[in-house]
Amino acid sequence: MKTYYVYIMCSRRNGTLYIGVTSDIIKRIYEHKNDLVEGFTKKYCEHCLVWYEIYETPEDAIQREKQIKKWKRGWKLRLIEENNPEWKDLYNDLLEGSGFPPSQE
């Protein structure tokens, strides 16, 4: 079964935040980290994955992404702090759990 992810990237602790949605989080975060896609994360050097949630349907993931994007900044920071108080980059944890490197399509 395919899974979908809502995630938050940051430039640094308490820095600029980016909220996105994807069906291939390893590939997508790899793209962000290596500035492979023009846009917000490349412009603001957001290379640190600090939070994500998993969903079974794209509709649920998109709905959650839109919900979080409407939140006040403090609420977003609290969401990160509750789950990742050290603001650790979670990308390597994902790689270790996947058993393979990111695809480079």
Protein backbone atom coordinates (compact mmCIF):
# COMPACT_ATOMS: atom_id res chain seq x y z
CA MET A 1 0.00 0.00 0.00
CA LYS A 2 1.26 3.47 -0.90
CA THR A 3 1.80 5.99 1.89
CA TYR A 4 1.76 9.77 1.86
CA TYR A 5 3.69 12.20 4.00
CA VAL A 6 3.26 15.71 5.31
CA TYR A 7 6.59 17.13 6.37
CA ILE A 8 8.32 20.24 7.68
CA MET A 9 11.77 21.37 6.57
CA CYS A 10 13.76 24.17 8.19
CA SER A 11 16.87 26.21 7.52
CA ARG A 12 17.94 26.02 11.18
CA ARG A 13 16.34 25.73 14.61
CA ASN A 14 13.49 28.26 14.78
CA GLY A 15 14.40 29.38 11.26
CA THR A 16 12.34 29.53 8.10
CA LEU A 17 9.85 26.65 7.76
CA TYR A 18 8.58 24.84 4.69
CA ILE A 19 5.58 22.48 4.78
CA GLY A 20 5.11 19.96 2.00
CA VAL A 21 3.39 16.75 1.00
CA THR A 22 4.79 13.78 -0.95
CA SER A 23 4.33 10.09 -1.66
CA ASP A 24 8.11 9.46 -1.71
CA ILE A 25 9.61 11.23 1.27
CA ILE A 26 13.13 9.89 0.84
CA LYS A 27 13.34 11.09 -2.75
CA ARG A 28 11.67 14.42 -2.00
CA ILE A 29 13.89 15.28 0.97
CA TYR A 30 16.94 14.26 -1.07
CA GLU A 31 15.83 16.77 -3.70
CA HIS A 32 15.42 19.50 -1.06
CA LYS A 33 18.78 18.77 0.55
CA ASN A 34 20.61 18.88 -2.77
CA ASP A 35 18.76 21.90 -4.21
CA LEU A 36 17.58 19.87 -7.20
CA VAL A 37 14.26 21.72 -7.50
CA GLU A 38 13.89 25.46 -7.91
CA GLY A 39 11.71 27.10 -5.30
CA PHE A 40 11.26 28.06 -1.69
CA THR A 41 13.50 25.46 -0.03
CA LYS A 42 16.37 26.15 -2.43
CA LYS A 43 16.05 29.92 -1.99
CA TYR A 44 16.00 29.73 1.82
CA CYS A 45 18.44 26.80 2.22
CA GLU A 46 15.95 24.58 4.00
CA HIS A 47 17.77 21.28 4.20
CA CYS A 48 16.71 19.86 7.57
CA LEU A 49 13.71 17.53 7.92
CA VAL A 50 12.38 18.19 11.44
CA TRP A 51 8.88 16.69 11.38
CA TYR A 52 6.65 14.39 9.35
CA GLU A 53 3.42 12.40 9.56
CA ILE A 54 2.26 9.42 7.50
CA TYR A 55 -1.14 9.08 5.82
CA GLU A 56 -2.88 6.34 3.86
CA THR A 57 -4.58 8.58 1.31
CA PRO A 58 -3.38 11.61 -0.64
CA GLU A 59 -6.55 13.47 0.31
CA ASP A 60 -5.82 13.11 4.03
CA ALA A 61 -2.22 14.23 3.56
CA ILE A 62 -3.18 17.26 1.48
CA GLN A 63 -5.89 18.23 3.96
CA ARG A 64 -3.36 18.07 6.83
CA GLU A 65 -0.78 20.06 4.85
CA LYS A 66 -3.32 22.82 4.20
CA GLN A 67 -4.37 22.80 7.85
CA ILE A 68 -0.82 23.22 9.13
CA LYS A 69 -0.02 25.93 6.56
CA LYS A 70 -2.87 28.02 8.01
CA TRP A 71 -1.55 27.71 11.56
CA LYS A 72 0.23 30.48 13.40
CA ARG A 73 3.99 30.09 13.48
CA GLY A 74 3.99 29.33 17.20
CA TRP A 75 1.70 26.35 16.67
CA LYS A 76 4.04 24.97 14.00
CA LEU A 77 7.05 25.40 16.27
CA ARG A 78 5.19 23.64 19.08
CA LEU A 79 4.36 20.73 16.76
CA ILE A 80 8.06 20.31 15.96
CA GLU A 81 9.17 20.77 19.58
CA GLU A 82 6.68 18.17 20.88
CA ASN A 83 7.99 15.51 18.54
CA ASN A 84 11.58 16.59 17.93
CA PRO A 85 12.75 18.88 20.78
CA GLU A 86 16.38 18.79 19.59
CA TRP A 87 15.38 19.74 16.03
CA LYS A 88 17.33 16.71 14.83
CA ASP A 89 17.44 16.13 11.06
CA LEU A 90 15.21 13.06 10.64
CA TYR A 91 16.36 12.25 7.10
CA ASN A 92 19.10 9.80 8.15
CA ASP A 93 16.62 7.98 10.38
CA LEU A 94 14.39 7.54 7.34
CA LEU A 95 17.29 6.23 5.27
CA GLU A 96 18.29 3.74 7.97
CA GLY A 97 14.71 2.52 8.22
CA SER A 98 14.28 2.14 4.48
CA GLY A 99 17.24 -0.12 3.82
CA PHE A 100 18.14 1.64 0.57
CA PRO A 101 19.48 4.99 -0.68
CA PRO A 102 17.09 7.53 -2.26
CA SER A 103 16.09 7.04 -5.86
CA GLN A 104 17.63 9.60 -8.19
CA GLU A 105 15.05 9.81 -10.95
